[in-house]
Amino acid sequence: MLKSVPYYSFLIEQLKDPVYAAGYLAIFLNEQEEGDLDLGIFPSALKEVFEALGEPNMSPDDASLHLEKLDNLLSGEGTATIYALANWLKVLGLKLTVAVDKKDEESSANAIELAEVSNV
């Protein structure tokens, strides 16, 4: 008989792959673009990604500070918030990007990444 794996443990294990983690967060952002995002879920998704990618590589104090930064930046408004989120994700080895919308992509044979948000 096959054993079942608790979903949360399985999810965290999958999120240890940065490509999977980026796709996971992109799903929530795409839902937001379509007006379907439950704003209470996105912070949870960010914390799950943090648990998988950040927590194992940080001291307990650094991990606590990084989560505190997330709570602070999610309560902010304006353009500074997007840059703060970009910096928060960078510590996890992820980045925010801007891309051509899929409906516009069809009309452009050369869809490209338009911009990156970073603190280079």
N, C-alpha and C. Protein backbone atom coordinates (compact mmCIF):
# COMPACT_ATOMS: atom_id res chain seq x y z
N MET A 1 0.85 -1.18 0.00
CA MET A 1 0.00 0.00 0.00
C MET A 1 0.90 1.25 0.00
N LEU A 2 0.55 2.23 -0.82
CA LEU A 2 1.30 3.47 -0.91
C LEU A 2 0.97 4.36 0.29
N LYS A 3 2.02 5.01 0.79
CA LYS A 3 1.82 5.98 1.86
C LYS A 3 1.52 7.33 1.25
N SER A 4 0.67 8.08 1.89
CA SER A 4 0.43 9.44 1.43
C SER A 4 1.42 10.38 2.13
N VAL A 5 1.75 11.43 1.45
CA VAL A 5 2.66 12.43 1.99
C VAL A 5 1.82 13.65 2.34
N PRO A 6 2.00 14.20 3.54
CA PRO A 6 1.25 15.41 3.87
C PRO A 6 1.52 16.50 2.84
N TYR A 7 0.47 17.18 2.42
CA TYR A 7 0.58 18.17 1.35
C TYR A 7 1.61 19.25 1.67
N TYR A 8 1.58 19.81 2.86
CA TYR A 8 2.47 20.92 3.19
C TYR A 8 3.93 20.50 3.07
N SER A 9 4.27 19.34 3.60
CA SER A 9 5.65 18.84 3.51
C SER A 9 6.05 18.63 2.05
N PHE A 10 5.13 18.09 1.27
CA PHE A 10 5.37 17.88 -0.15
C PHE A 10 5.59 19.21 -0.86
N LEU A 11 4.75 20.20 -0.56
CA LEU A 11 4.86 21.52 -1.18
C LEU A 11 6.21 22.16 -0.86
N ILE A 12 6.61 22.15 0.39
CA ILE A 12 7.88 22.76 0.78
C ILE A 12 9.04 22.07 0.07
N GLU A 13 8.98 20.76 -0.04
CA GLU A 13 10.03 20.02 -0.75
C GLU A 13 10.09 20.44 -2.22
N GLN A 14 8.93 20.61 -2.85
CA GLN A 14 8.89 21.04 -4.26
C GLN A 14 9.42 22.47 -4.41
N LEU A 15 9.10 23.32 -3.44
CA LEU A 15 9.52 24.73 -3.51
C LEU A 15 11.01 24.92 -3.30
N LYS A 16 11.72 23.90 -2.91
CA LYS A 16 13.18 24.00 -2.79
C LYS A 16 13.85 24.14 -4.14
N ASP A 17 13.12 23.82 -5.19
CA ASP A 17 13.60 24.06 -6.56
C ASP A 17 13.23 25.49 -6.92
N PRO A 18 14.22 26.39 -7.12
CA PRO A 18 13.90 27.79 -7.40
C PRO A 18 13.01 27.99 -8.62
N VAL A 19 13.13 27.16 -9.63
CA VAL A 19 12.29 27.29 -10.82
C VAL A 19 10.83 27.00 -10.45
N TYR A 20 10.63 25.97 -9.65
CA TYR A 20 9.28 25.63 -9.19
C TYR A 20 8.74 26.77 -8.33
N ALA A 21 9.58 27.29 -7.42
CA ALA A 21 9.15 28.37 -6.53
C ALA A 21 8.75 29.61 -7.33
N ALA A 22 9.53 29.95 -8.35
CA ALA A 22 9.20 31.11 -9.19
C ALA A 22 7.86 30.89 -9.89
N GLY A 23 7.65 29.70 -10.42
CA GLY A 23 6.38 29.39 -11.08
C GLY A 23 5.21 29.43 -10.12
N TYR A 24 5.44 28.96 -8.91
CA TYR A 24 4.41 28.96 -7.87
C TYR A 24 3.95 30.39 -7.57
N LEU A 25 4.92 31.30 -7.40
CA LEU A 25 4.57 32.69 -7.12
C LEU A 25 3.92 33.34 -8.34
N ALA A 26 4.38 32.98 -9.53
CA ALA A 26 3.82 33.56 -10.75
C ALA A 26 2.34 33.22 -10.89
N ILE A 27 1.96 32.04 -10.45
CA ILE A 27 0.54 31.65 -10.50
C ILE A 27 -0.30 32.65 -9.71
N PHE A 28 0.16 33.01 -8.53
CA PHE A 28 -0.60 33.95 -7.70
C PHE A 28 -0.63 35.35 -8.32
N LEU A 29 0.49 35.76 -8.91
CA LEU A 29 0.52 37.08 -9.55
C LEU A 29 -0.36 37.11 -10.79
N ASN A 30 -0.41 36.02 -11.54
CA ASN A 30 -1.30 35.95 -12.71
C ASN A 30 -2.75 36.01 -12.28
N GLU A 31 -3.08 35.39 -11.17
CA GLU A 31 -4.45 35.47 -10.66
C GLU A 31 -4.81 36.90 -10.30
N GLN A 32 -3.82 37.64 -9.78
CA GLN A 32 -4.05 39.04 -9.42
C GLN A 32 -4.35 39.85 -10.68
N GLU A 33 -3.61 39.59 -11.76
CA GLU A 33 -3.84 40.31 -13.01
C GLU A 33 -5.24 40.06 -13.54
N GLU A 34 -5.76 38.87 -13.30
CA GLU A 34 -7.09 38.51 -13.78
C GLU A 34 -8.18 38.90 -12.78
N GLY A 35 -7.79 39.48 -11.65
CA GLY A 35 -8.75 39.91 -10.65
C GLY A 35 -9.21 38.81 -9.72
N ASP A 36 -8.54 37.66 -9.75
CA ASP A 36 -8.97 36.51 -8.95
C ASP A 36 -8.14 36.30 -7.69
N LEU A 37 -7.15 37.16 -7.45
CA LEU A 37 -6.24 36.95 -6.33
C LEU A 37 -6.90 37.26 -5.00
N ASP A 38 -6.83 36.31 -4.09
CA ASP A 38 -7.23 36.53 -2.71
C ASP A 38 -5.98 37.09 -2.02
N LEU A 39 -6.00 38.34 -1.65
CA LEU A 39 -4.80 38.99 -1.12
C LEU A 39 -4.26 38.34 0.14
N GLY A 40 -5.06 37.55 0.81
CA GLY A 40 -4.58 36.84 1.99
C GLY A 40 -3.72 35.63 1.64
N ILE A 41 -3.83 35.15 0.42
CA ILE A 41 -3.10 33.95 0.02
C ILE A 41 -1.68 34.27 -0.44
N PHE A 42 -1.47 35.39 -1.12
CA PHE A 42 -0.14 35.70 -1.66
C PHE A 42 0.92 35.79 -0.55
N PRO A 43 0.65 36.47 0.56
CA PRO A 43 1.66 36.48 1.63
C PRO A 43 1.98 35.07 2.14
N SER A 44 0.98 34.21 2.19
CA SER A 44 1.23 32.82 2.61
C SER A 44 2.13 32.11 1.61
N ALA A 45 1.90 32.35 0.33
CA ALA A 45 2.74 31.74 -0.70
C ALA A 45 4.19 32.24 -0.57
N LEU A 46 4.37 33.53 -0.31
CA LEU A 46 5.72 34.07 -0.12
C LEU A 46 6.39 33.43 1.08
N LYS A 47 5.65 33.23 2.14
CA LYS A 47 6.22 32.61 3.35
C LYS A 47 6.58 31.14 3.10
N GLU A 48 5.77 30.45 2.30
CA GLU A 48 6.09 29.06 1.96
C GLU A 48 7.37 28.99 1.14
N VAL A 49 7.52 29.90 0.20
CA VAL A 49 8.75 29.95 -0.60
C VAL A 49 9.94 30.28 0.29
N PHE A 50 9.72 31.20 1.22
CA PHE A 50 10.80 31.53 2.16
C PHE A 50 11.20 30.31 2.99
N GLU A 51 10.22 29.56 3.46
CA GLU A 51 10.53 28.37 4.26
C GLU A 51 11.38 27.38 3.47
N ALA A 52 11.11 27.28 2.19
CA ALA A 52 11.84 26.31 1.35
C ALA A 52 13.21 26.82 0.93
N LEU A 53 13.30 28.09 0.53
CA LEU A 53 14.55 28.61 -0.05
C LEU A 53 15.41 29.42 0.91
N GLY A 54 14.79 30.12 1.83
CA GLY A 54 15.55 31.03 2.68
C GLY A 54 15.91 30.48 4.03
N GLU A 55 14.93 29.94 4.70
CA GLU A 55 15.12 29.49 6.07
C GLU A 55 16.28 28.51 6.24
N PRO A 56 16.43 27.51 5.34
CA PRO A 56 17.53 26.56 5.52
C PRO A 56 18.92 27.19 5.36
N ASN A 57 18.98 28.37 4.71
CA ASN A 57 20.26 29.00 4.44
C ASN A 57 20.56 30.19 5.35
N MET A 58 19.74 30.40 6.37
CA MET A 58 19.91 31.55 7.25
C MET A 58 19.95 31.10 8.70
N SER A 59 20.57 31.95 9.50
CA SER A 59 20.51 31.71 10.94
C SER A 59 19.08 31.99 11.39
N PRO A 60 18.69 31.47 12.53
CA PRO A 60 17.33 31.75 13.02
C PRO A 60 17.04 33.25 13.17
N ASP A 61 18.05 34.02 13.61
CA ASP A 61 17.85 35.47 13.74
C ASP A 61 17.65 36.14 12.39
N ASP A 62 18.48 35.75 11.40
CA ASP A 62 18.34 36.33 10.06
C ASP A 62 17.00 35.94 9.44
N ALA A 63 16.58 34.71 9.65
CA ALA A 63 15.30 34.24 9.12
C ALA A 63 14.15 35.04 9.72
N SER A 64 14.21 35.26 11.01
CA SER A 64 13.17 36.04 11.69
C SER A 64 13.12 37.47 11.16
N LEU A 65 14.28 38.09 10.95
CA LEU A 65 14.34 39.45 10.42
C LEU A 65 13.80 39.51 8.99
N HIS A 66 14.11 38.48 8.21
CA HIS A 66 13.65 38.46 6.81
C HIS A 66 12.13 38.34 6.74
N LEU A 67 11.55 37.53 7.60
CA LEU A 67 10.08 37.43 7.64
C LEU A 67 9.45 38.72 8.14
N GLU A 68 10.12 39.37 9.08
CA GLU A 68 9.62 40.65 9.59
C GLU A 68 9.63 41.69 8.46
N LYS A 69 10.68 41.68 7.63
CA LYS A 69 10.74 42.59 6.48
C LYS A 69 9.56 42.34 5.54
N LEU A 70 9.23 41.06 5.34
CA LEU A 70 8.10 40.74 4.46
C LEU A 70 6.81 41.33 5.01
N ASP A 71 6.57 41.15 6.28
CA ASP A 71 5.35 41.70 6.89
C ASP A 71 5.30 43.22 6.73
N ASN A 72 6.44 43.88 6.92
CA ASN A 72 6.49 45.34 6.79
C ASN A 72 6.26 45.78 5.35
N LEU A 73 6.88 45.10 4.40
CA LEU A 73 6.74 45.55 3.02
C LEU A 73 5.35 45.27 2.46
N LEU A 74 4.72 44.20 2.92
CA LEU A 74 3.36 43.91 2.45
C LEU A 74 2.32 44.87 3.01
N SER A 75 2.67 45.55 4.10
CA SER A 75 1.75 46.53 4.65
C SER A 75 1.97 47.92 4.05
N GLY A 76 2.99 48.05 3.21
CA GLY A 76 3.31 49.33 2.58
C GLY A 76 2.49 49.59 1.34
N GLU A 77 2.65 50.80 0.83
CA GLU A 77 1.96 51.20 -0.39
C GLU A 77 2.96 51.94 -1.28
N GLY A 78 2.63 52.02 -2.54
CA GLY A 78 3.43 52.82 -3.46
C GLY A 78 4.56 52.04 -4.12
N THR A 79 5.33 52.78 -4.88
CA THR A 79 6.38 52.16 -5.68
C THR A 79 7.50 51.56 -4.83
N ALA A 80 7.72 52.10 -3.66
CA ALA A 80 8.77 51.56 -2.80
C ALA A 80 8.49 50.10 -2.44
N THR A 81 7.23 49.75 -2.37
CA THR A 81 6.84 48.38 -2.01
C THR A 81 7.33 47.37 -3.05
N ILE A 82 7.22 47.70 -4.32
CA ILE A 82 7.63 46.78 -5.37
C ILE A 82 9.14 46.57 -5.33
N TYR A 83 9.90 47.62 -5.06
CA TYR A 83 11.34 47.49 -4.96
C TYR A 83 11.74 46.71 -3.71
N ALA A 84 11.01 46.92 -2.63
CA ALA A 84 11.27 46.17 -1.40
C ALA A 84 11.00 44.69 -1.62
N LEU A 85 9.92 44.36 -2.33
CA LEU A 85 9.63 42.96 -2.62
C LEU A 85 10.71 42.36 -3.51
N ALA A 86 11.17 43.12 -4.49
CA ALA A 86 12.24 42.65 -5.37
C ALA A 86 13.50 42.34 -4.56
N ASN A 87 13.85 43.20 -3.64
CA ASN A 87 15.03 42.98 -2.79
C ASN A 87 14.82 41.79 -1.87
N TRP A 88 13.60 41.63 -1.35
CA TRP A 88 13.29 40.52 -0.45
C TRP A 88 13.45 39.20 -1.20
N LEU A 89 12.94 39.15 -2.42
CA LEU A 89 13.04 37.93 -3.23
C LEU A 89 14.48 37.64 -3.65
N LYS A 90 15.25 38.69 -3.88
CA LYS A 90 16.64 38.51 -4.33
C LYS A 90 17.45 37.70 -3.31
N VAL A 91 17.18 37.90 -2.05
CA VAL A 91 17.87 37.14 -1.00
C VAL A 91 17.58 35.64 -1.14
N LEU A 92 16.42 35.32 -1.70
CA LEU A 92 16.04 33.91 -1.89
C LEU A 92 16.51 33.36 -3.23
N GLY A 93 17.19 34.21 -4.02
CA GLY A 93 17.66 33.77 -5.33
C GLY A 93 16.61 33.91 -6.41
N LEU A 94 15.59 34.74 -6.18
CA LEU A 94 14.52 34.97 -7.14
C LEU A 94 14.51 36.44 -7.54
N LYS A 95 13.82 36.76 -8.62
CA LYS A 95 13.69 38.17 -9.02
C LYS A 95 12.33 38.40 -9.65
N LEU A 96 11.89 39.64 -9.60
CA LEU A 96 10.66 40.06 -10.26
C LEU A 96 11.01 40.46 -11.69
N THR A 97 10.13 40.12 -12.61
CA THR A 97 10.34 40.54 -13.99
C THR A 97 9.03 41.04 -14.57
N VAL A 98 9.15 41.77 -15.64
CA VAL A 98 7.99 42.24 -16.38
C VAL A 98 8.09 41.60 -17.75
N ALA A 99 6.98 41.08 -18.26
CA ALA A 99 6.98 40.41 -19.55
C ALA A 99 5.78 40.87 -20.37
N VAL A 100 5.82 40.57 -21.62
CA VAL A 100 4.71 40.90 -22.51
C VAL A 100 3.49 40.09 -22.12
N ASP A 101 2.34 40.74 -22.08
CA ASP A 101 1.09 40.06 -21.76
C ASP A 101 0.81 39.02 -22.85
N LYS A 102 0.30 37.86 -22.47
CA LYS A 102 0.07 36.77 -23.42
C LYS A 102 -0.78 37.19 -24.60
N LYS A 103 -1.80 38.00 -24.38
CA LYS A 103 -2.65 38.41 -25.50
C LYS A 103 -1.88 39.31 -26.46
N ASP A 104 -0.92 40.08 -25.96
CA ASP A 104 -0.07 40.91 -26.82
C ASP A 104 1.06 40.09 -27.43
N GLU A 105 1.41 39.00 -26.76
CA GLU A 105 2.49 38.13 -27.23
C GLU A 105 2.16 37.54 -28.59
N GLU A 106 0.89 37.23 -28.81
CA GLU A 106 0.47 36.62 -30.07
C GLU A 106 0.71 37.56 -31.24
N SER A 107 0.60 38.85 -31.02
CA SER A 107 0.79 39.80 -32.10
C SER A 107 2.26 40.15 -32.32
N SER A 108 3.10 39.71 -31.44
CA SER A 108 4.53 39.99 -31.56
C SER A 108 5.30 38.69 -31.71
N ALA A 109 5.98 38.53 -32.82
CA ALA A 109 6.74 37.30 -33.05
C ALA A 109 7.93 37.20 -32.12
N ASN A 110 8.40 38.34 -31.65
CA ASN A 110 9.59 38.36 -30.80
C ASN A 110 9.26 38.86 -29.41
N ALA A 111 8.43 38.13 -28.68
CA ALA A 111 8.10 38.52 -27.31
C ALA A 111 9.36 38.42 -26.47
N ILE A 112 9.66 39.47 -25.73
CA ILE A 112 10.87 39.50 -24.93
C ILE A 112 10.55 39.96 -23.53
N GLU A 113 11.47 39.68 -22.64
CA GLU A 113 11.36 40.20 -21.28
C GLU A 113 11.64 41.69 -21.37
N LEU A 114 10.74 42.50 -20.86
CA LEU A 114 10.87 43.94 -21.01
C LEU A 114 11.75 44.61 -19.97
N ALA A 115 11.62 44.15 -18.76
CA ALA A 115 12.37 44.83 -17.71
C ALA A 115 12.53 43.92 -16.53
N GLU A 116 13.51 44.22 -15.73
CA GLU A 116 13.72 43.51 -14.49
C GLU A 116 13.74 44.52 -13.36
N VAL A 117 13.16 44.15 -12.24
CA VAL A 117 13.21 44.99 -11.07
C VAL A 117 14.34 44.45 -10.20
N SER A 118 15.34 45.25 -10.00
CA SER A 118 16.43 44.81 -9.14
C SER A 118 17.13 46.01 -8.57
N ASN A 119 18.07 45.75 -7.70
CA ASN A 119 18.82 46.85 -7.10
C ASN A 119 20.28 46.76 -7.54
N VAL A 120 20.49 46.55 -8.81
CA VAL A 120 21.83 46.39 -9.38
C VAL A 120 22.63 47.63 -9.16
